[in-house]
C-alpha cells in the first residue's frame, strides 16, 4: 500500500504489550528466532518497511510481510530447494522484495550468501562453488550465464521479478562440495573485502547475531516507535545489525532509491523530512565519511538538533565528534559503536 507517512495512531495499528511477545513456558527454552514467520506475524499491522521516494512512501506491515514470506517459501519448496541449502543473493539495492526474500530464505531453514559480482558468470560460479552454495536468487533484470546456471523459475515479489537458478555441477567441482560441515543454525555467509589479503569466506550462525542485537536494542532503547535506516549494502555485514534490530523490536526499516545517494541533500530529506507529517528515522548507522556529506550546518540543525530523537551508531564515531567539538558530549552520549 502507499501512503504519505505513518500514522501510528490509526485504528489499523495495534501496538503489542510486552506480555504479547513473552514466550509461554513450553517454548521458553527454545524461543523463536528473530526472523521466524510467526514472530513476524505477531506484530500485525505495525509498519515493517518503508520505501521512500521523492513523491511518496510505500509501506509494508509486518502482517503483509509474513504473507509474502509464505508465498516465497512455497515457491522455494516447489522448486526443490532443500532445507539447510545455501542461496546466493544478488540484489541491486534494498527494496521490500529483497528484505522479504532474505526472510523467506531463513524461514525455509536455509542461509543466504550476498554477492555483488557484476558479471554473473564464471566469477560468480567460482565464488559460489567455493562457498558451497548451490542456488542463486537475483532480482531486477540481471543476466545469468546459462553455461554455469540452470534457470528454475521466477516469482513476483512486490512487483519485482525474482529469478531462481541452480549451479551446474561439474565433476571437477566434487572436491568443493566435500567441504567441512557448516556451523549449526547457519544464518549467512559473507566474503571479506580482501584488503588485507585474499578474500575469505565467513560463515555466521544465528547464535553470533542474536546476543549482539539484544544488547544493542537495550543500549539504544529501540522500540516499535523507531524507524531504522536500512542503508548498508547487503554485502557488508553491518547490514545485519540494521535488519535484525528492527525484527527484535518490531521497529520499522526505511530505505530509499540507490540513485538518491548521488545527492546528499536528497538522502538528508529522505531521512529527516521537513514535512512534519512525514516520519523521519530515529536510528542511524553510517560511516563518518557519508555522514559528513550532509554538511556541518545540516548536521547541527536537522540531525543533532534538540528536537531530534535520533540515536546513532557510527563507525569511528570519534572522527565525527572531532569535526564538531562543541557537540562532542551530545554525540558521544548517543552514539554506540557498530
C-alpha atoms as a PDB file:
ATOM      1  CA  UNK A   1       0.000   0.000   0.000  1.00  0.00           C
ATOM      2  CA  UNK A   2       1.070   3.586  -0.444  1.00  0.00           C
ATOM      3  CA  UNK A   3       0.902   6.461   1.988  1.00  0.00           C
ATOM      4  CA  UNK A   4       2.369   9.882   2.611  1.00  0.00           C
ATOM      5  CA  UNK A   5       3.590   8.690   6.008  1.00  0.00           C
ATOM      6  CA  UNK A   6       2.939   6.505   9.016  1.00  0.00           C
ATOM      7  CA  UNK A   7       0.077   7.222  11.355  1.00  0.00           C
ATOM      8  CA  UNK A   8       0.771   5.158  14.447  1.00  0.00           C
ATOM      9  CA  UNK A   9      -2.488   6.321  15.966  1.00  0.00           C
ATOM     10  CA  UNK A  10      -4.655   4.870  13.180  1.00  0.00           C
ATOM     11  CA  UNK A  11      -7.189   2.161  14.115  1.00  0.00           C
ATOM     12  CA  UNK A  12      -5.305  -0.395  11.987  1.00  0.00           C
ATOM     13  CA  UNK A  13      -2.165  -0.084  14.053  1.00  0.00           C
ATOM     14  CA  UNK A  14      -2.344  -2.267  17.156  1.00  0.00           C
ATOM     15  CA  UNK A  15       0.660  -1.906  19.484  1.00  0.00           C
ATOM     16  CA  UNK A  16       1.706  -5.011  21.359  1.00  0.00           C
ATOM     17  CA  UNK A  17       2.177  -5.143  25.080  1.00  0.00           C
ATOM     18  CA  UNK A  18       5.326  -6.768  26.489  1.00  0.00           C
ATOM     19  CA  UNK A  19       3.272  -9.795  27.529  1.00  0.00           C
ATOM     20  CA  UNK A  20       2.276 -10.371  23.898  1.00  0.00           C
ATOM     21  CA  UNK A  21       5.882 -11.140  22.987  1.00  0.00           C
ATOM     22  CA  UNK A  22       6.812 -13.270  26.046  1.00  0.00           C
ATOM     23  CA  UNK A  23       7.030 -16.968  25.118  1.00  0.00           C
ATOM     24  CA  UNK A  24       4.960 -19.458  27.049  1.00  0.00           C
ATOM     25  CA  UNK A  25       6.621 -21.858  29.473  1.00  0.00           C
ATOM     26  CA  UNK A  26       6.520 -24.616  26.868  1.00  0.00           C
ATOM     27  CA  UNK A  27       8.574 -22.553  24.420  1.00  0.00           C
ATOM     28  CA  UNK A  28      10.695 -20.563  26.877  1.00  0.00           C
ATOM     29  CA  UNK A  29      13.657 -22.898  26.482  1.00  0.00           C
ATOM     30  CA  UNK A  30      13.623 -22.549  22.685  1.00  0.00           C
ATOM     31  CA  UNK A  31      12.404 -19.037  21.833  1.00  0.00           C
ATOM     32  CA  UNK A  32      11.566 -18.195  18.255  1.00  0.00           C
ATOM     33  CA  UNK A  33      14.395 -16.809  16.202  1.00  0.00           C
ATOM     34  CA  UNK A  34      14.031 -13.139  15.357  1.00  0.00           C
ATOM     35  CA  UNK A  35      13.179 -13.950  11.760  1.00  0.00           C
ATOM     36  CA  UNK A  36      10.579 -16.677  12.453  1.00  0.00           C
ATOM     37  CA  UNK A  37       7.446 -16.037  10.419  1.00  0.00           C
ATOM     38  CA  UNK A  38       5.088 -16.492  13.387  1.00  0.00           C
ATOM     39  CA  UNK A  39       7.024 -13.938  15.401  1.00  0.00           C
ATOM     40  CA  UNK A  40       6.878 -11.506  12.492  1.00  0.00           C
ATOM     41  CA  UNK A  41       3.154 -12.074  12.074  1.00  0.00           C
ATOM     42  CA  UNK A  42       2.587 -11.292  15.771  1.00  0.00           C
ATOM     43  CA  UNK A  43       3.464  -7.618  15.172  1.00  0.00           C
ATOM     44  CA  UNK A  44       0.359  -7.428  12.957  1.00  0.00           C
ATOM     45  CA  UNK A  45      -0.205  -4.016  11.379  1.00  0.00           C
ATOM     46  CA  UNK A  46       2.959  -2.362  12.685  1.00  0.00           C
ATOM     47  CA  UNK A  47       4.885  -0.994   9.662  1.00  0.00           C
ATOM     48  CA  UNK A  48       7.928  -3.126   8.885  1.00  0.00           C
ATOM     49  CA  UNK A  49       9.190  -1.496   5.690  1.00  0.00           C
ATOM     50  CA  UNK A  50       9.029   1.998   4.257  1.00  0.00           C
ATOM     51  CA  UNK A  51      10.238   2.501   0.708  1.00  0.00           C
ATOM     52  CA  UNK A  52      10.787   6.261   0.413  1.00  0.00           C
ATOM     53  CA  UNK A  53      10.968   8.081  -2.898  1.00  0.00           C
ATOM     54  CA  UNK A  54      10.736  11.754  -3.775  1.00  0.00           C
ATOM     55  CA  UNK A  55       6.989  11.532  -4.376  1.00  0.00           C
ATOM     56  CA  UNK A  56       5.510   9.037  -1.927  1.00  0.00           C
ATOM     57  CA  UNK A  57       6.109   6.280   0.601  1.00  0.00           C
ATOM     58  CA  UNK A  58       5.334   2.612   0.100  1.00  0.00           C
ATOM     59  CA  UNK A  59       4.576   0.983   3.459  1.00  0.00           C
ATOM     60  CA  UNK A  60       4.512  -2.751   4.173  1.00  0.00           C
ATOM     61  CA  UNK A  61       3.248  -4.039   7.504  1.00  0.00           C
ATOM     62  CA  UNK A  62       4.657  -6.981   9.446  1.00  0.00           C
ATOM     63  CA  UNK A  63       1.469  -8.957   8.673  1.00  0.00           C
ATOM     64  CA  UNK A  64       1.779  -8.323   4.926  1.00  0.00           C
ATOM     65  CA  UNK A  65       5.465  -9.219   5.137  1.00  0.00           C
ATOM     66  CA  UNK A  66       4.624 -12.571   6.732  1.00  0.00           C
ATOM     67  CA  UNK A  67       2.121 -13.315   3.969  1.00  0.00           C
ATOM     68  CA  UNK A  68       4.713 -12.578   1.284  1.00  0.00           C
ATOM     69  CA  UNK A  69       7.338 -14.658   3.110  1.00  0.00           C
ATOM     70  CA  UNK A  70       4.996 -17.649   2.970  1.00  0.00           C
ATOM     71  CA  UNK A  71       4.478 -17.197  -0.768  1.00  0.00           C
ATOM     72  CA  UNK A  72       8.230 -17.175  -1.429  1.00  0.00           C
ATOM     73  CA  UNK A  73       8.756 -20.179   0.876  1.00  0.00           C
ATOM     74  CA  UNK A  74       6.136 -22.102  -1.098  1.00  0.00           C
ATOM     75  CA  UNK A  75       7.986 -21.184  -4.285  1.00  0.00           C
ATOM     76  CA  UNK A  76      11.315 -22.441  -2.903  1.00  0.00           C
ATOM     77  CA  UNK A  77       9.709 -25.699  -1.797  1.00  0.00           C
ATOM     78  CA  UNK A  78       8.000 -26.179  -5.149  1.00  0.00           C
ATOM     79  CA  UNK A  79      11.336 -25.688  -6.935  1.00  0.00           C
ATOM     80  CA  UNK A  80      13.036 -28.322  -4.806  1.00  0.00           C
ATOM     81  CA  UNK A  81      15.279 -26.136  -2.650  1.00  0.00           C
ATOM     82  CA  UNK A  82      16.123 -28.311   0.382  1.00  0.00           C
ATOM     83  CA  UNK A  83      16.486 -27.122   3.964  1.00  0.00           C
ATOM     84  CA  UNK A  84      19.986 -26.067   5.030  1.00  0.00           C
ATOM     85  CA  UNK A  85      20.896 -25.136   1.464  1.00  0.00           C
ATOM     86  CA  UNK A  86      22.927 -22.037   0.748  1.00  0.00           C
ATOM     87  CA  UNK A  87      21.266 -19.473  -1.515  1.00  0.00           C
ATOM     88  CA  UNK A  88      23.336 -16.742  -3.096  1.00  0.00           C
ATOM     89  CA  UNK A  89      21.522 -13.415  -3.253  1.00  0.00           C
ATOM     90  CA  UNK A  90      22.273 -10.751  -5.849  1.00  0.00           C
ATOM     91  CA  UNK A  91      20.138  -7.649  -5.422  1.00  0.00           C
ATOM     92  CA  UNK A  92      20.801  -4.226  -6.885  1.00  0.00           C
ATOM     93  CA  UNK A  93      19.540  -2.284  -3.861  1.00  0.00           C
ATOM     94  CA  UNK A  94      17.411  -2.587  -0.748  1.00  0.00           C
ATOM     95  CA  UNK A  95      13.712  -2.921  -1.548  1.00  0.00           C
ATOM     96  CA  UNK A  96      10.730  -4.517   0.192  1.00  0.00           C
ATOM     97  CA  UNK A  97      11.246  -7.513  -2.114  1.00  0.00           C
ATOM     98  CA  UNK A  98      14.891  -8.006  -1.119  1.00  0.00           C
ATOM     99  CA  UNK A  99      14.018  -7.965   2.594  1.00  0.00           C
ATOM    100  CA  UNK A 100      11.214 -10.475   2.104  1.00  0.00           C
ATOM    101  CA  UNK A 101      13.474 -12.783   0.082  1.00  0.00           C
ATOM    102  CA  UNK A 102      16.037 -12.830   2.902  1.00  0.00           C
ATOM    103  CA  UNK A 103      13.367 -13.653   5.475  1.00  0.00           C
ATOM    104  CA  UNK A 104      11.912 -16.373   3.243  1.00  0.00           C
ATOM    105  CA  UNK A 105      15.353 -17.964   2.833  1.00  0.00           C
ATOM    106  CA  UNK A 106      15.884 -18.010   6.606  1.00  0.00           C
ATOM    107  CA  UNK A 107      12.401 -19.339   7.333  1.00  0.00           C
ATOM    108  CA  UNK A 108      12.990 -22.084   4.762  1.00  0.00           C
ATOM    109  CA  UNK A 109      15.842 -23.111   7.104  1.00  0.00           C
ATOM    110  CA  UNK A 110      18.423 -22.061   4.554  1.00  0.00           C
ATOM    111  CA  UNK A 111      21.169 -19.443   4.758  1.00  0.00           C
ATOM    112  CA  UNK A 112      21.966 -16.622   2.350  1.00  0.00           C
ATOM    113  CA  UNK A 113      25.185 -15.543   0.702  1.00  0.00           C
ATOM    114  CA  UNK A 114      25.096 -11.913  -0.534  1.00  0.00           C
ATOM    115  CA  UNK A 115      27.269 -11.214  -3.550  1.00  0.00           C
ATOM    116  CA  UNK A 116      27.991  -8.111  -5.611  1.00  0.00           C
ATOM    117  CA  UNK A 117      29.585  -9.840  -8.574  1.00  0.00           C
ATOM    118  CA  UNK A 118      28.584  -7.704 -11.542  1.00  0.00           C
ATOM    119  CA  UNK A 119      29.373 -10.349 -14.134  1.00  0.00           C
ATOM    120  CA  UNK A 120      27.048 -13.187 -13.237  1.00  0.00           C
ATOM    121  CA  UNK A 121      29.087 -15.839 -14.998  1.00  0.00           C
ATOM    122  CA  UNK A 122      32.361 -17.612 -14.243  1.00  0.00           C
ATOM    123  CA  UNK A 123      33.387 -15.278 -11.395  1.00  0.00           C
ATOM    124  CA  UNK A 124      30.108 -15.782  -9.600  1.00  0.00           C
ATOM    125  CA  UNK A 125      30.167 -19.504 -10.328  1.00  0.00           C
ATOM    126  CA  UNK A 126      33.632 -19.835  -8.791  1.00  0.00           C
ATOM    127  CA  UNK A 127      32.653 -17.774  -5.759  1.00  0.00           C
ATOM    128  CA  UNK A 128      29.506 -19.809  -5.130  1.00  0.00           C
ATOM    129  CA  UNK A 129      31.311 -23.114  -5.620  1.00  0.00           C
ATOM    130  CA  UNK A 130      33.941 -22.101  -3.084  1.00  0.00           C
ATOM    131  CA  UNK A 131      31.205 -21.191  -0.613  1.00  0.00           C
ATOM    132  CA  UNK A 132      29.349 -24.453  -1.260  1.00  0.00           C
ATOM    133  CA  UNK A 133      26.251 -22.535  -2.375  1.00  0.00           C
ATOM    134  CA  UNK A 134      24.069 -24.317  -4.921  1.00  0.00           C
ATOM    135  CA  UNK A 135      21.243 -21.853  -5.587  1.00  0.00           C
ATOM    136  CA  UNK A 136      21.062 -18.251  -6.746  1.00  0.00           C
ATOM    137  CA  UNK A 137      18.300 -15.647  -6.473  1.00  0.00           C
ATOM    138  CA  UNK A 138      18.565 -12.433  -8.476  1.00  0.00           C
ATOM    139  CA  UNK A 139      16.191  -9.511  -8.848  1.00  0.00           C
ATOM    140  CA  UNK A 140      15.595  -6.810 -11.431  1.00  0.00           C
ATOM    141  CA  UNK A 141      16.974  -7.541 -14.884  1.00  0.00           C
ATOM    142  CA  UNK A 142      20.325  -9.111 -14.017  1.00  0.00           C
ATOM    143  CA  UNK A 143      21.505 -11.704 -16.512  1.00  0.00           C
ATOM    144  CA  UNK A 144      22.952 -15.108 -15.637  1.00  0.00           C
ATOM    145  CA  UNK A 145      25.105 -17.195 -17.960  1.00  0.00           C
ATOM    146  CA  UNK A 146      23.331 -20.482 -18.870  1.00  0.00           C
ATOM    147  CA  UNK A 147      26.733 -22.153 -19.156  1.00  0.00           C
ATOM    148  CA  UNK A 148      27.048 -22.131 -15.368  1.00  0.00           C
ATOM    149  CA  UNK A 149      23.469 -21.885 -14.068  1.00  0.00           C
ATOM    150  CA  UNK A 150      20.155 -23.637 -14.689  1.00  0.00           C
ATOM    151  CA  UNK A 151      17.054 -21.450 -14.572  1.00  0.00           C
ATOM    152  CA  UNK A 152      14.442 -22.946 -12.220  1.00  0.00           C
ATOM    153  CA  UNK A 153      11.690 -20.335 -12.263  1.00  0.00           C
ATOM    154  CA  UNK A 154      10.683 -16.812 -11.327  1.00  0.00           C
ATOM    155  CA  UNK A 155       8.312 -15.166  -8.868  1.00  0.00           C
ATOM    156  CA  UNK A 156       6.943 -11.654  -8.472  1.00  0.00           C
ATOM    157  CA  UNK A 157       7.595 -10.176  -5.034  1.00  0.00           C
ATOM    158  CA  UNK A 158       6.032  -6.733  -4.655  1.00  0.00           C
ATOM    159  CA  UNK A 159       6.111  -6.319  -8.447  1.00  0.00           C
ATOM    160  CA  UNK A 160       9.805  -7.265  -8.621  1.00  0.00           C
ATOM    161  CA  UNK A 161      10.790 -10.171 -10.824  1.00  0.00           C
ATOM    162  CA  UNK A 162      12.952 -12.543  -8.764  1.00  0.00           C
ATOM    163  CA  UNK A 163      14.607 -15.449 -10.565  1.00  0.00           C
ATOM    164  CA  UNK A 164      15.898 -18.689  -9.102  1.00  0.00           C
ATOM    165  CA  UNK A 165      18.859 -20.601 -10.556  1.00  0.00           C
ATOM    166  CA  UNK A 166      20.815 -23.690  -9.626  1.00  0.00           C
ATOM    167  CA  UNK A 167      24.556 -24.075 -10.060  1.00  0.00           C
ATOM    168  CA  UNK A 168      25.518 -26.583 -12.733  1.00  0.00           C
ATOM    169  CA  UNK A 169      27.834 -29.033 -11.020  1.00  0.00           C
ATOM    170  CA  UNK A 170      30.808 -30.453 -12.879  1.00  0.00           C
ATOM    171  CA  UNK A 171      32.972 -33.420 -11.972  1.00  0.00           C
ATOM    172  CA  UNK A 172      35.878 -31.073 -11.231  1.00  0.00           C
ATOM    173  CA  UNK A 173      33.762 -29.386  -8.538  1.00  0.00           C
ATOM    174  CA  UNK A 174      33.251 -32.501  -6.428  1.00  0.00           C
ATOM    175  CA  UNK A 175      36.106 -31.588  -4.099  1.00  0.00           C
ATOM    176  CA  UNK A 176      34.472 -28.223  -3.456  1.00  0.00           C
ATOM    177  CA  UNK A 177      31.257 -29.804  -2.261  1.00  0.00           C
ATOM    178  CA  UNK A 178      33.018 -32.116   0.175  1.00  0.00           C
ATOM    179  CA  UNK A 179      33.929 -29.084   2.284  1.00  0.00           C
ATOM    180  CA  UNK A 180      33.880 -29.065   6.071  1.00  0.00           C
ATOM    181  CA  UNK A 181      30.403 -29.042   7.651  1.00  0.00           C
ATOM    182  CA  UNK A 182      28.949 -25.583   8.268  1.00  0.00           C
ATOM    183  CA  UNK A 183      28.011 -24.421  11.780  1.00  0.00           C
ATOM    184  CA  UNK A 184      24.531 -25.332  13.022  1.00  0.00           C
ATOM    185  CA  UNK A 185      21.806 -22.683  12.691  1.00  0.00           C
ATOM    186  CA  UNK A 186      23.579 -21.010   9.790  1.00  0.00           C
ATOM    187  CA  UNK A 187      22.287 -17.531   9.003  1.00  0.00           C
ATOM    188  CA  UNK A 188      24.549 -16.187   6.278  1.00  0.00           C
ATOM    189  CA  UNK A 189      27.927 -16.462   4.586  1.00  0.00           C
ATOM    190  CA  UNK A 190      29.826 -13.354   3.606  1.00  0.00           C
ATOM    191  CA  UNK A 191      33.051 -12.621   1.758  1.00  0.00           C
ATOM    192  CA  UNK A 192      35.638 -10.248   3.201  1.00  0.00           C
ATOM    193  CA  UNK A 193      36.870  -7.409   1.026  1.00  0.00           C
ATOM    194  CA  UNK A 194      40.362  -8.808   0.700  1.00  0.00           C
ATOM    195  CA  UNK A 195      42.021  -5.502   1.608  1.00  0.00           C
ATOM    196  CA  UNK A 196      44.497  -7.337   3.849  1.00  0.00           C
ATOM    197  CA  UNK A 197      44.998 -10.357   1.601  1.00  0.00           C
ATOM    198  CA  UNK A 198      42.962 -12.858  -0.364  1.00  0.00           C
ATOM    199  CA  UNK A 199      39.189 -12.554   0.306  1.00  0.00           C
ATOM    200  CA  UNK A 200      37.942 -15.063   2.860  1.00  0.00           C
ATOM    201  CA  UNK A 201      34.532 -16.593   3.398  1.00  0.00           C
ATOM    202  CA  UNK A 202      32.980 -16.153   6.850  1.00  0.00           C
ATOM    203  CA  UNK A 203      30.121 -18.458   7.904  1.00  0.00           C
ATOM    204  CA  UNK A 204      27.921 -16.784  10.523  1.00  0.00           C
ATOM    205  CA  UNK A 205      25.465 -18.820  12.670  1.00  0.00           C
ATOM    206  CA  UNK A 206      22.437 -17.276  14.293  1.00  0.00           C
ATOM    207  CA  UNK A 207      23.995 -17.511  17.776  1.00  0.00           C
ATOM    208  CA  UNK A 208      26.625 -14.966  16.736  1.00  0.00           C
ATOM    209  CA  UNK A 209      23.939 -12.422  15.872  1.00  0.00           C
ATOM    210  CA  UNK A 210      21.163 -12.612  18.454  1.00  0.00           C
ATOM    211  CA  UNK A 211      23.113 -11.629  21.615  1.00  0.00           C
ATOM    212  CA  UNK A 212      24.613  -8.568  19.918  1.00  0.00           C
ATOM    213  CA  UNK A 213      21.203  -7.441  18.653  1.00  0.00           C
ATOM    214  CA  UNK A 214      19.681  -7.845  22.106  1.00  0.00           C
ATOM    215  CA  UNK A 215      22.495  -5.849  23.717  1.00  0.00           C
ATOM    216  CA  UNK A 216      22.295  -3.056  21.154  1.00  0.00           C
ATOM    217  CA  UNK A 217      18.498  -2.921  21.488  1.00  0.00           C
ATOM    218  CA  UNK A 218      18.870  -2.288  25.190  1.00  0.00           C
ATOM    219  CA  UNK A 219      21.632   0.313  24.794  1.00  0.00           C
ATOM    220  CA  UNK A 220      19.659   2.273  22.199  1.00  0.00           C
ATOM    221  CA  UNK A 221      16.284   1.566  23.837  1.00  0.00           C
ATOM    222  CA  UNK A 222      14.783   0.562  20.488  1.00  0.00           C
ATOM    223  CA  UNK A 223      11.013   0.043  20.352  1.00  0.00           C
ATOM    224  CA  UNK A 224       8.132  -0.265  17.884  1.00  0.00           C
ATOM    225  CA  UNK A 225       8.081   3.528  17.676  1.00  0.00           C
ATOM    226  CA  UNK A 226      11.505   3.594  15.990  1.00  0.00           C
ATOM    227  CA  UNK A 227      12.390   3.897  12.315  1.00  0.00           C
ATOM    228  CA  UNK A 228      15.796   2.462  11.340  1.00  0.00           C
ATOM    229  CA  UNK A 229      17.612   3.450   8.174  1.00  0.00           C
ATOM    230  CA  UNK A 230      18.395   0.347   6.091  1.00  0.00           C
ATOM    231  CA  UNK A 231      21.278   1.899   4.191  1.00  0.00           C
ATOM    232  CA  UNK A 232      24.213  -0.506   4.476  1.00  0.00           C
ATOM    233  CA  UNK A 233      24.772  -2.691   1.375  1.00  0.00           C
ATOM    234  CA  UNK A 234      23.780  -6.316   1.833  1.00  0.00           C
ATOM    235  CA  UNK A 235      27.362  -7.415   1.084  1.00  0.00           C
ATOM    236  CA  UNK A 236      28.647  -5.500   4.135  1.00  0.00           C
ATOM    237  CA  UNK A 237      27.696  -7.338   7.322  1.00  0.00           C
ATOM    238  CA  UNK A 238      26.747  -4.259   9.430  1.00  0.00           C
ATOM    239  CA  UNK A 239      23.593  -4.539   7.305  1.00  0.00           C
ATOM    240  CA  UNK A 240      22.617  -7.445   9.568  1.00  0.00           C
ATOM    241  CA  UNK A 241      22.570  -5.088  12.562  1.00  0.00           C
ATOM    242  CA  UNK A 242      20.051  -2.748  10.964  1.00  0.00           C
ATOM    243  CA  UNK A 243      17.911  -5.615   9.687  1.00  0.00           C
ATOM    244  CA  UNK A 244      17.742  -7.688  12.864  1.00  0.00           C
ATOM    245  CA  UNK A 245      17.458  -4.653  15.135  1.00  0.00           C
ATOM    246  CA  UNK A 246      14.055  -3.985  13.588  1.00  0.00           C
ATOM    247  CA  UNK A 247      12.967  -7.624  13.876  1.00  0.00           C
ATOM    248  CA  UNK A 248      13.988  -7.756  17.543  1.00  0.00           C
ATOM    249  CA  UNK A 249      11.819  -4.799  18.494  1.00  0.00           C
ATOM    250  CA  UNK A 250       9.045  -4.549  15.912  1.00  0.00           C
ATOM    251  CA  UNK A 251      10.613  -1.348  14.589  1.00  0.00           C
ATOM    252  CA  UNK A 252      10.376  -0.057  11.028  1.00  0.00           C
ATOM    253  CA  UNK A 253      13.057  -0.204   8.332  1.00  0.00           C
ATOM    254  CA  UNK A 254      13.326   2.707   5.918  1.00  0.00           C
ATOM    255  CA  UNK A 255      15.148   2.546   2.605  1.00  0.00           C
ATOM    256  CA  UNK A 256      15.356   4.851  -0.383  1.00  0.00           C
ATOM    257  CA  UNK A 257      16.337   4.522  -4.001  1.00  0.00           C
ATOM    258  CA  UNK A 258      20.041   3.868  -4.505  1.00  0.00           C
ATOM    259  CA  UNK A 259      20.182   6.699  -7.051  1.00  0.00           C
ATOM    260  CA  UNK A 260      19.439   9.179  -4.269  1.00  0.00           C
ATOM    261  CA  UNK A 261      22.900   8.501  -2.817  1.00  0.00           C
ATOM    262  CA  UNK A 262      24.334  10.684  -5.579  1.00  0.00           C
ATOM    263  CA  UNK A 263      22.711  13.655  -3.861  1.00  0.00           C
ATOM    264  CA  UNK A 264      23.404  14.035  -0.109  1.00  0.00           C
ATOM    265  CA  UNK A 265      20.610  16.593   0.128  1.00  0.00           C
ATOM    266  CA  UNK A 266      18.078  14.057  -1.180  1.00  0.00           C
ATOM    267  CA  UNK A 267      19.292  11.465   1.319  1.00  0.00           C
ATOM    268  CA  UNK A 268      19.058  14.036   4.107  1.00  0.00           C
ATOM    269  CA  UNK A 269      15.495  14.946   3.121  1.00  0.00           C
ATOM    270  CA  UNK A 270      14.526  11.280   2.959  1.00  0.00           C
ATOM    271  CA  UNK A 271      15.909  10.560   6.419  1.00  0.00           C
ATOM    272  CA  UNK A 272      14.933  13.852   8.084  1.00  0.00           C
ATOM    273  CA  UNK A 273      11.930  15.283   6.181  1.00  0.00           C
ATOM    274  CA  UNK A 274      10.961  18.941   6.554  1.00  0.00           C
ATOM    275  CA  UNK A 275       7.324  17.875   6.406  1.00  0.00           C
ATOM    276  CA  UNK A 276       6.219  17.203   9.980  1.00  0.00           C
ATOM    277  CA  UNK A 277       3.565  14.767   8.731  1.00  0.00           C
ATOM    278  CA  UNK A 278       6.256  12.513   7.264  1.00  0.00           C
ATOM    279  CA  UNK A 279       8.198  10.498   9.851  1.00  0.00           C
ATOM    280  CA  UNK A 280      11.976  10.651   9.957  1.00  0.00           C
ATOM    281  CA  UNK A 281      14.407   8.000  11.124  1.00  0.00           C
ATOM    282  CA  UNK A 282      15.328   7.597  14.781  1.00  0.00           C
ATOM    283  CA  UNK A 283      18.184   5.087  14.492  1.00  0.00           C
ATOM    284  CA  UNK A 284      21.052   5.640  12.061  1.00  0.00           C
ATOM    285  CA  UNK A 285      24.190   3.688  11.149  1.00  0.00           C
ATOM    286  CA  UNK A 286      26.666   5.055   8.631  1.00  0.00           C
ATOM    287  CA  UNK A 287      30.336   5.804   8.165  1.00  0.00           C
ATOM    288  CA  UNK A 288      31.653   9.262   9.127  1.00  0.00           C
ATOM    289  CA  UNK A 289      32.589   9.998   5.510  1.00  0.00           C
ATOM    290  CA  UNK A 290      28.978   9.591   4.402  1.00  0.00           C
ATOM    291  CA  UNK A 291      27.678  11.369   7.484  1.00  0.00           C
ATOM    292  CA  UNK A 292      29.879  14.420   6.812  1.00  0.00           C
ATOM    293  CA  UNK A 293      28.456  14.757   3.307  1.00  0.00           C
ATOM    294  CA  UNK A 294      25.317  16.198   4.870  1.00  0.00           C
ATOM    295  CA  UNK A 295      27.345  19.291   5.797  1.00  0.00           C
ATOM    296  CA  UNK A 296      28.064  20.822   9.195  1.00  0.00           C
ATOM    297  CA  UNK A 297      25.047  23.133   9.143  1.00  0.00           C
ATOM    298  CA  UNK A 298      22.543  20.394   8.271  1.00  0.00           C
ATOM    299  CA  UNK A 299      24.041  18.015  10.820  1.00  0.00           C
ATOM    300  CA  UNK A 300      23.675  20.558  13.607  1.00  0.00           C
ATOM    301  CA  UNK A 301      20.259  21.927  12.629  1.00  0.00           C
ATOM    302  CA  UNK A 302      18.458  18.791  11.450  1.00  0.00           C
ATOM    303  CA  UNK A 303      20.319  15.665  12.526  1.00  0.00           C
ATOM    304  CA  UNK A 304      21.552  16.560  16.013  1.00  0.00           C
ATOM    305  CA  UNK A 305      19.076  19.274  16.910  1.00  0.00           C
ATOM    306  CA  UNK A 306      17.384  19.300  20.288  1.00  0.00           C
ATOM    307  CA  UNK A 307      14.095  18.304  18.652  1.00  0.00           C
ATOM    308  CA  UNK A 308      15.609  15.214  17.039  1.00  0.00           C
ATOM    309  CA  UNK A 309      15.007  11.812  18.623  1.00  0.00           C
ATOM    310  CA  UNK A 310      17.861  10.261  16.655  1.00  0.00           C
ATOM    311  CA  UNK A 311      20.187   7.688  18.181  1.00  0.00           C
ATOM    312  CA  UNK A 312      23.224   6.968  16.054  1.00  0.00           C
ATOM    313  CA  UNK A 313      25.816   4.253  15.959  1.00  0.00           C
ATOM    314  CA  UNK A 314      28.635   5.124  13.593  1.00  0.00           C
ATOM    315  CA  UNK A 315      31.944   3.502  12.839  1.00  0.00           C
ATOM    316  CA  UNK A 316      34.843   5.546  14.159  1.00  0.00           C
ATOM    317  CA  UNK A 317      32.451   7.967  15.828  1.00  0.00           C
ATOM    318  CA  UNK A 318      35.322   9.913  17.392  1.00  0.00           C
ATOM    319  CA  UNK A 319      36.246  11.187  13.928  1.00  0.00           C
ATOM    320  CA  UNK A 320      32.836  12.762  13.624  1.00  0.00           C
ATOM    321  CA  UNK A 321      32.984  14.196  17.121  1.00  0.00           C
ATOM    322  CA  UNK A 322      36.311  15.829  16.343  1.00  0.00           C
ATOM    323  CA  UNK A 323      34.694  17.722  13.495  1.00  0.00           C
ATOM    324  CA  UNK A 324      32.016  19.083  15.834  1.00  0.00           C
ATOM    325  CA  UNK A 325      33.829  19.604  19.187  1.00  0.00           C
ATOM    326  CA  UNK A 326      31.061  21.765  20.629  1.00  0.00           C
ATOM    327  CA  UNK A 327      28.679  18.832  20.277  1.00  0.00           C
ATOM    328  CA  UNK A 328      31.067  16.090  21.396  1.00  0.00           C
ATOM    329  CA  UNK A 329      29.311  15.419  24.678  1.00  0.00           C
ATOM    330  CA  UNK A 330      25.915  15.072  22.971  1.00  0.00           C
ATOM    331  CA  UNK A 331      27.352  12.949  20.183  1.00  0.00           C
ATOM    332  CA  UNK A 332      29.275  10.589  22.418  1.00  0.00           C
ATOM    333  CA  UNK A 333      26.293  10.308  24.700  1.00  0.00           C
ATOM    334  CA  UNK A 334      24.008   8.955  21.985  1.00  0.00           C
ATOM    335  CA  UNK A 335      26.353   7.097  19.658  1.00  0.00           C
ATOM    336  CA  UNK A 336      27.121   3.426  20.058  1.00  0.00           C
ATOM    337  CA  UNK A 337      29.922   1.761  18.130  1.00  0.00           C
ATOM    338  CA  UNK A 338      28.846  -0.572  15.346  1.00  0.00           C
END
